[in-house]
Amino acid sequence: ERRLDAQNGVNQSHPFINRVVVVMAELLTTMSSSKQPHASAIRLRIQFATALNRPRCWHLLDTSQSSQTIRDFCNTLADTYGLEKVLNGDGLKISVSGFYMPPDSDVRLLRDGDMMVVSISKNLEDSL
């Protein structure tokens, strides 16, 4: 059942979608108040593995933070999308165009419009 909040258009039947809306609104507010226009953010297409049970979506990544790693980004994804089973992001594996993104890699490897596949790391799949 789909229920939309008439005031802000948030889908009330999926709490993680509500969190995404809040995070993206905060990021857009921060970006609009900064001196640099949207050049410090990129839009990413995210496809979650079936086991994570999340819909495909767009995600806005702020790349203005210095030394942000893929591990940091995994932590953000785990928090934003309510992935309680994969705490600290270390249980997430990201690939772009079929290529694994090592956790210590810089997020600046990502490009606007990249399609990311987010899945569960092998060491965590055994415990599920």
N, C-alpha and C. Protein backbone atom coordinates (compact mmCIF):
# COMPACT_ATOMS: atom_id res chain seq x y z
N GLU A 1 0.85 -1.18 0.00
CA GLU A 1 0.00 0.00 0.00
C GLU A 1 0.89 1.24 0.00
N ARG A 2 0.59 2.16 -0.86
CA ARG A 2 1.37 3.39 -0.92
C ARG A 2 0.59 4.50 -0.24
N ARG A 3 1.21 5.11 0.73
CA ARG A 3 0.62 6.24 1.41
C ARG A 3 1.58 7.41 1.31
N LEU A 4 1.13 8.51 0.77
CA LEU A 4 1.98 9.68 0.66
C LEU A 4 1.53 10.74 1.63
N ASP A 5 2.48 11.34 2.28
CA ASP A 5 2.23 12.46 3.16
C ASP A 5 1.92 13.66 2.26
N ALA A 6 0.73 14.22 2.36
CA ALA A 6 0.31 15.29 1.47
C ALA A 6 1.17 16.54 1.62
N GLN A 7 1.73 16.74 2.80
CA GLN A 7 2.50 17.96 3.04
C GLN A 7 3.85 17.94 2.34
N ASN A 8 4.57 16.79 2.35
CA ASN A 8 5.90 16.77 1.76
C ASN A 8 6.11 15.66 0.74
N GLY A 9 5.09 14.88 0.43
CA GLY A 9 5.19 13.87 -0.60
C GLY A 9 6.05 12.67 -0.23
N VAL A 10 6.28 12.43 1.05
CA VAL A 10 7.12 11.32 1.48
C VAL A 10 6.30 10.04 1.54
N ASN A 11 6.90 8.95 1.09
CA ASN A 11 6.25 7.65 1.10
C ASN A 11 6.30 7.11 2.54
N GLN A 12 5.15 7.02 3.20
CA GLN A 12 5.10 6.62 4.60
C GLN A 12 5.25 5.11 4.81
N SER A 13 5.14 4.30 3.75
CA SER A 13 5.22 2.85 3.92
C SER A 13 6.66 2.34 3.89
N HIS A 14 7.65 3.17 3.57
CA HIS A 14 9.05 2.76 3.52
C HIS A 14 9.91 3.75 4.30
N PRO A 15 10.24 3.46 5.56
CA PRO A 15 11.01 4.39 6.38
C PRO A 15 12.38 4.75 5.78
N PHE A 16 13.04 3.81 5.11
CA PHE A 16 14.36 4.14 4.55
C PHE A 16 14.24 5.15 3.42
N ILE A 17 13.11 5.17 2.71
CA ILE A 17 12.90 6.18 1.67
C ILE A 17 12.73 7.55 2.33
N ASN A 18 12.04 7.58 3.45
CA ASN A 18 11.90 8.83 4.19
C ASN A 18 13.26 9.38 4.57
N ARG A 19 14.14 8.52 5.03
CA ARG A 19 15.49 8.95 5.44
C ARG A 19 16.26 9.50 4.24
N VAL A 20 16.12 8.87 3.09
CA VAL A 20 16.79 9.32 1.87
C VAL A 20 16.33 10.73 1.51
N VAL A 21 15.02 10.97 1.59
CA VAL A 21 14.47 12.28 1.27
C VAL A 21 15.05 13.33 2.20
N VAL A 22 15.14 13.04 3.48
CA VAL A 22 15.68 13.98 4.46
C VAL A 22 17.15 14.26 4.18
N VAL A 23 17.95 13.21 3.95
CA VAL A 23 19.38 13.38 3.71
C VAL A 23 19.61 14.19 2.43
N MET A 24 18.89 13.89 1.37
CA MET A 24 19.07 14.62 0.12
C MET A 24 18.65 16.08 0.28
N ALA A 25 17.58 16.34 1.02
CA ALA A 25 17.15 17.72 1.25
C ALA A 25 18.21 18.49 2.03
N GLU A 26 18.81 17.85 3.06
CA GLU A 26 19.86 18.50 3.84
C GLU A 26 21.08 18.80 2.96
N LEU A 27 21.45 17.85 2.13
CA LEU A 27 22.60 18.04 1.25
C LEU A 27 22.35 19.16 0.25
N LEU A 28 21.16 19.19 -0.33
CA LEU A 28 20.83 20.26 -1.28
C LEU A 28 20.81 21.62 -0.61
N THR A 29 20.31 21.70 0.62
CA THR A 29 20.30 22.95 1.36
C THR A 29 21.72 23.42 1.63
N THR A 30 22.59 22.49 2.06
CA THR A 30 23.99 22.82 2.32
C THR A 30 24.67 23.29 1.05
N MET A 31 24.43 22.59 -0.04
CA MET A 31 25.08 22.94 -1.30
C MET A 31 24.60 24.29 -1.83
N SER A 32 23.32 24.59 -1.67
CA SER A 32 22.80 25.84 -2.19
C SER A 32 23.30 27.03 -1.38
N SER A 33 23.67 26.81 -0.12
CA SER A 33 24.17 27.91 0.70
C SER A 33 25.69 28.07 0.58
N SER A 34 26.38 27.11 -0.04
CA SER A 34 27.83 27.22 -0.19
C SER A 34 28.17 28.10 -1.38
N LYS A 35 29.40 28.57 -1.41
CA LYS A 35 29.83 29.45 -2.48
C LYS A 35 30.05 28.71 -3.78
N GLN A 36 30.39 27.43 -3.71
CA GLN A 36 30.57 26.65 -4.93
C GLN A 36 29.22 26.07 -5.34
N PRO A 37 28.86 26.24 -6.61
CA PRO A 37 27.61 25.61 -7.05
C PRO A 37 27.74 24.10 -7.05
N HIS A 38 26.81 23.40 -7.59
CA HIS A 38 26.69 21.96 -7.52
C HIS A 38 27.86 21.18 -8.09
N ALA A 39 28.98 21.83 -8.36
CA ALA A 39 30.15 21.15 -8.90
C ALA A 39 30.75 20.16 -7.91
N SER A 40 30.43 20.29 -6.63
CA SER A 40 31.00 19.41 -5.62
C SER A 40 30.12 18.20 -5.31
N ALA A 41 29.13 17.95 -6.13
CA ALA A 41 28.25 16.79 -5.92
C ALA A 41 28.03 16.07 -7.24
N ILE A 42 27.84 14.76 -7.13
CA ILE A 42 27.53 13.96 -8.31
C ILE A 42 26.32 13.09 -8.03
N ARG A 43 25.55 12.83 -9.08
CA ARG A 43 24.40 11.93 -8.97
C ARG A 43 24.84 10.53 -9.35
N LEU A 44 24.48 9.57 -8.50
CA LEU A 44 24.83 8.17 -8.75
C LEU A 44 23.56 7.35 -8.83
N ARG A 45 23.55 6.41 -9.76
CA ARG A 45 22.45 5.45 -9.83
C ARG A 45 22.87 4.25 -8.98
N ILE A 46 21.98 3.83 -8.09
CA ILE A 46 22.32 2.73 -7.18
C ILE A 46 21.34 1.59 -7.38
N GLN A 47 21.92 0.41 -7.57
CA GLN A 47 21.14 -0.82 -7.65
C GLN A 47 21.62 -1.72 -6.51
N PHE A 48 20.72 -2.06 -5.62
CA PHE A 48 21.06 -2.91 -4.48
C PHE A 48 20.89 -4.37 -4.85
N ALA A 49 21.72 -5.22 -4.28
CA ALA A 49 21.58 -6.67 -4.46
C ALA A 49 20.22 -7.10 -3.93
N THR A 50 19.68 -8.16 -4.50
CA THR A 50 18.37 -8.66 -4.10
C THR A 50 18.30 -8.91 -2.60
N ALA A 51 19.39 -9.43 -2.01
CA ALA A 51 19.41 -9.75 -0.57
C ALA A 51 19.23 -8.51 0.31
N LEU A 52 19.56 -7.33 -0.22
CA LEU A 52 19.42 -6.10 0.57
C LEU A 52 18.00 -5.53 0.51
N ASN A 53 17.19 -6.00 -0.43
CA ASN A 53 15.77 -5.64 -0.50
C ASN A 53 15.53 -4.12 -0.48
N ARG A 54 16.22 -3.41 -1.36
CA ARG A 54 16.03 -1.98 -1.50
C ARG A 54 15.80 -1.67 -2.98
N PRO A 55 15.01 -0.65 -3.27
CA PRO A 55 14.74 -0.31 -4.68
C PRO A 55 15.93 0.41 -5.33
N ARG A 56 16.00 0.34 -6.64
CA ARG A 56 17.00 1.13 -7.37
C ARG A 56 16.67 2.59 -7.15
N CYS A 57 17.70 3.42 -7.06
CA CYS A 57 17.45 4.83 -6.77
C CYS A 57 18.61 5.70 -7.22
N TRP A 58 18.39 6.99 -7.18
CA TRP A 58 19.44 7.97 -7.38
C TRP A 58 19.96 8.38 -6.02
N HIS A 59 21.26 8.69 -5.96
CA HIS A 59 21.85 9.15 -4.70
C HIS A 59 22.78 10.32 -5.03
N LEU A 60 22.69 11.38 -4.25
CA LEU A 60 23.54 12.55 -4.44
C LEU A 60 24.73 12.44 -3.49
N LEU A 61 25.94 12.44 -4.06
CA LEU A 61 27.16 12.30 -3.26
C LEU A 61 27.90 13.62 -3.25
N ASP A 62 28.15 14.15 -2.06
CA ASP A 62 28.92 15.37 -1.88
C ASP A 62 30.40 15.00 -1.94
N THR A 63 31.10 15.46 -2.95
CA THR A 63 32.52 15.13 -3.12
C THR A 63 33.44 16.24 -2.63
N SER A 64 32.89 17.23 -1.95
CA SER A 64 33.71 18.35 -1.48
C SER A 64 34.52 18.01 -0.23
N GLN A 65 34.13 16.96 0.49
CA GLN A 65 34.88 16.57 1.69
C GLN A 65 36.21 15.95 1.29
N SER A 66 37.28 16.45 1.84
CA SER A 66 38.59 15.91 1.47
C SER A 66 38.79 14.52 2.06
N SER A 67 39.51 13.72 1.33
CA SER A 67 39.90 12.34 1.70
C SER A 67 38.71 11.45 2.09
N GLN A 68 37.62 11.55 1.39
CA GLN A 68 36.49 10.66 1.61
C GLN A 68 36.74 9.37 0.83
N THR A 69 36.60 8.23 1.50
CA THR A 69 36.88 6.94 0.86
C THR A 69 35.59 6.21 0.51
N ILE A 70 35.75 5.15 -0.25
CA ILE A 70 34.61 4.28 -0.57
C ILE A 70 34.05 3.69 0.73
N ARG A 71 34.91 3.37 1.68
CA ARG A 71 34.45 2.86 2.99
C ARG A 71 33.53 3.88 3.66
N ASP A 72 33.93 5.17 3.64
CA ASP A 72 33.09 6.23 4.20
C ASP A 72 31.73 6.27 3.49
N PHE A 73 31.79 6.15 2.17
CA PHE A 73 30.56 6.16 1.37
C PHE A 73 29.68 4.96 1.72
N CYS A 74 30.29 3.80 1.93
CA CYS A 74 29.52 2.61 2.34
C CYS A 74 28.83 2.85 3.68
N ASN A 75 29.53 3.52 4.60
CA ASN A 75 28.91 3.85 5.89
C ASN A 75 27.70 4.75 5.69
N THR A 76 27.84 5.73 4.79
CA THR A 76 26.72 6.62 4.48
C THR A 76 25.56 5.85 3.89
N LEU A 77 25.84 4.95 2.96
CA LEU A 77 24.78 4.14 2.36
C LEU A 77 24.08 3.28 3.41
N ALA A 78 24.86 2.63 4.28
CA ALA A 78 24.28 1.77 5.31
C ALA A 78 23.36 2.57 6.22
N ASP A 79 23.78 3.78 6.58
CA ASP A 79 22.97 4.64 7.45
C ASP A 79 21.74 5.17 6.71
N THR A 80 21.94 5.68 5.52
CA THR A 80 20.86 6.31 4.76
C THR A 80 19.76 5.32 4.39
N TYR A 81 20.14 4.12 4.01
CA TYR A 81 19.16 3.15 3.51
C TYR A 81 18.78 2.09 4.55
N GLY A 82 19.15 2.30 5.82
CA GLY A 82 18.71 1.42 6.89
C GLY A 82 19.20 -0.01 6.77
N LEU A 83 20.47 -0.17 6.44
CA LEU A 83 21.03 -1.52 6.28
C LEU A 83 21.66 -1.99 7.59
N GLU A 84 20.81 -2.27 8.57
CA GLU A 84 21.26 -2.61 9.92
C GLU A 84 22.16 -3.84 9.96
N LYS A 85 21.96 -4.79 9.04
CA LYS A 85 22.73 -6.03 9.06
C LYS A 85 24.17 -5.83 8.60
N VAL A 86 24.46 -4.70 8.01
CA VAL A 86 25.81 -4.44 7.50
C VAL A 86 26.37 -3.17 8.14
N LEU A 87 26.55 -3.21 9.43
CA LEU A 87 27.04 -2.06 10.17
C LEU A 87 28.45 -1.69 9.75
N ASN A 88 28.77 -0.41 9.87
CA ASN A 88 30.07 0.17 9.54
C ASN A 88 30.40 0.13 8.06
N GLY A 89 29.53 -0.32 7.22
CA GLY A 89 29.79 -0.32 5.80
C GLY A 89 30.77 -1.37 5.34
N ASP A 90 31.52 -1.97 6.27
CA ASP A 90 32.50 -2.98 5.87
C ASP A 90 31.84 -4.21 5.28
N GLY A 91 30.56 -4.38 5.51
CA GLY A 91 29.84 -5.51 4.96
C GLY A 91 29.27 -5.24 3.59
N LEU A 92 29.49 -4.02 3.06
CA LEU A 92 29.01 -3.69 1.74
C LEU A 92 30.15 -3.76 0.72
N LYS A 93 29.80 -4.18 -0.48
CA LYS A 93 30.75 -4.22 -1.58
C LYS A 93 30.14 -3.41 -2.71
N ILE A 94 30.93 -2.53 -3.30
CA ILE A 94 30.45 -1.68 -4.39
C ILE A 94 31.23 -1.99 -5.65
N SER A 95 30.51 -2.07 -6.76
CA SER A 95 31.17 -2.19 -8.05
C SER A 95 30.53 -1.20 -9.02
N VAL A 96 31.35 -0.71 -9.94
CA VAL A 96 30.91 0.22 -10.97
C VAL A 96 31.35 -0.36 -12.31
N SER A 97 30.40 -0.51 -13.22
CA SER A 97 30.68 -1.09 -14.54
C SER A 97 31.35 -2.45 -14.43
N GLY A 98 30.97 -3.21 -13.40
CA GLY A 98 31.50 -4.55 -13.22
C GLY A 98 32.85 -4.60 -12.53
N PHE A 99 33.36 -3.45 -12.08
CA PHE A 99 34.67 -3.41 -11.43
C PHE A 99 34.51 -3.07 -9.95
N TYR A 100 35.15 -3.88 -9.11
CA TYR A 100 35.14 -3.72 -7.65
C TYR A 100 35.80 -2.41 -7.25
N MET A 101 35.20 -1.71 -6.30
CA MET A 101 35.76 -0.47 -5.76
C MET A 101 36.38 -0.79 -4.39
N PRO A 102 37.72 -0.82 -4.28
CA PRO A 102 38.36 -1.10 -2.99
C PRO A 102 37.95 -0.07 -1.93
N PRO A 103 37.74 -0.52 -0.69
CA PRO A 103 37.25 0.37 0.37
C PRO A 103 38.13 1.59 0.64
N ASP A 104 39.43 1.49 0.43
CA ASP A 104 40.30 2.63 0.70
C ASP A 104 40.45 3.57 -0.48
N SER A 105 39.74 3.30 -1.59
CA SER A 105 39.79 4.18 -2.76
C SER A 105 39.08 5.49 -2.46
N ASP A 106 39.50 6.53 -3.14
CA ASP A 106 38.90 7.85 -3.01
C ASP A 106 37.58 7.89 -3.79
N VAL A 107 36.57 8.55 -3.24
CA VAL A 107 35.27 8.63 -3.92
C VAL A 107 35.34 9.45 -5.20
N ARG A 108 36.43 10.19 -5.38
CA ARG A 108 36.56 10.97 -6.61
C ARG A 108 36.76 10.09 -7.84
N LEU A 109 36.91 8.77 -7.62
CA LEU A 109 36.91 7.84 -8.75
C LEU A 109 35.53 7.77 -9.41
N LEU A 110 34.50 8.07 -8.64
CA LEU A 110 33.13 8.00 -9.14
C LEU A 110 32.83 9.21 -10.01
N ARG A 111 32.00 8.99 -11.02
CA ARG A 111 31.62 10.04 -11.95
C ARG A 111 30.11 10.21 -11.97
N ASP A 112 29.68 11.42 -12.29
CA ASP A 112 28.26 11.72 -12.37
C ASP A 112 27.56 10.73 -13.29
N GLY A 113 26.48 10.12 -12.80
CA GLY A 113 25.70 9.19 -13.59
C GLY A 113 26.17 7.74 -13.52
N ASP A 114 27.26 7.46 -12.80
CA ASP A 114 27.73 6.08 -12.67
C ASP A 114 26.63 5.19 -12.10
N MET A 115 26.60 3.94 -12.58
CA MET A 115 25.67 2.94 -12.06
C MET A 115 26.44 2.06 -11.09
N MET A 116 26.07 2.11 -9.82
CA MET A 116 26.74 1.33 -8.80
C MET A 116 25.89 0.13 -8.43
N VAL A 117 26.56 -0.99 -8.22
CA VAL A 117 25.88 -2.17 -7.69
C VAL A 117 26.39 -2.35 -6.27
N VAL A 118 25.47 -2.31 -5.32
CA VAL A 118 25.81 -2.45 -3.90
C VAL A 118 25.36 -3.83 -3.47
N SER A 119 26.31 -4.62 -2.98
CA SER A 119 26.00 -5.99 -2.56
C SER A 119 26.64 -6.27 -1.21
N ILE A 120 26.39 -7.46 -0.72
CA ILE A 120 26.92 -7.88 0.58
C ILE A 120 28.28 -8.52 0.37
N SER A 121 29.25 -8.14 1.21
CA SER A 121 30.58 -8.76 1.14
C SER A 121 30.49 -10.23 1.44
N LYS A 122 31.35 -11.03 0.84
CA LYS A 122 31.33 -12.49 0.99
C LYS A 122 31.40 -12.91 2.45
N ASN A 123 32.25 -12.24 3.25
CA ASN A 123 32.39 -12.64 4.66
C ASN A 123 31.10 -12.46 5.45
N LEU A 124 30.21 -11.56 5.00
CA LEU A 124 28.96 -11.34 5.72
C LEU A 124 27.84 -12.24 5.21
N GLU A 125 27.90 -12.64 3.96
CA GLU A 125 26.84 -13.48 3.39
C GLU A 125 26.70 -14.80 4.14
N ASP A 126 27.82 -15.36 4.62
CA ASP A 126 27.78 -16.62 5.34
C ASP A 126 27.01 -16.52 6.66
N SER A 127 27.00 -15.31 7.27
CA SER A 127 26.35 -15.17 8.56
C SER A 127 24.86 -14.83 8.44
N LEU A 128 24.36 -14.59 7.23
CA LEU A 128 22.94 -14.22 7.08
C LEU A 128 22.03 -15.42 7.07
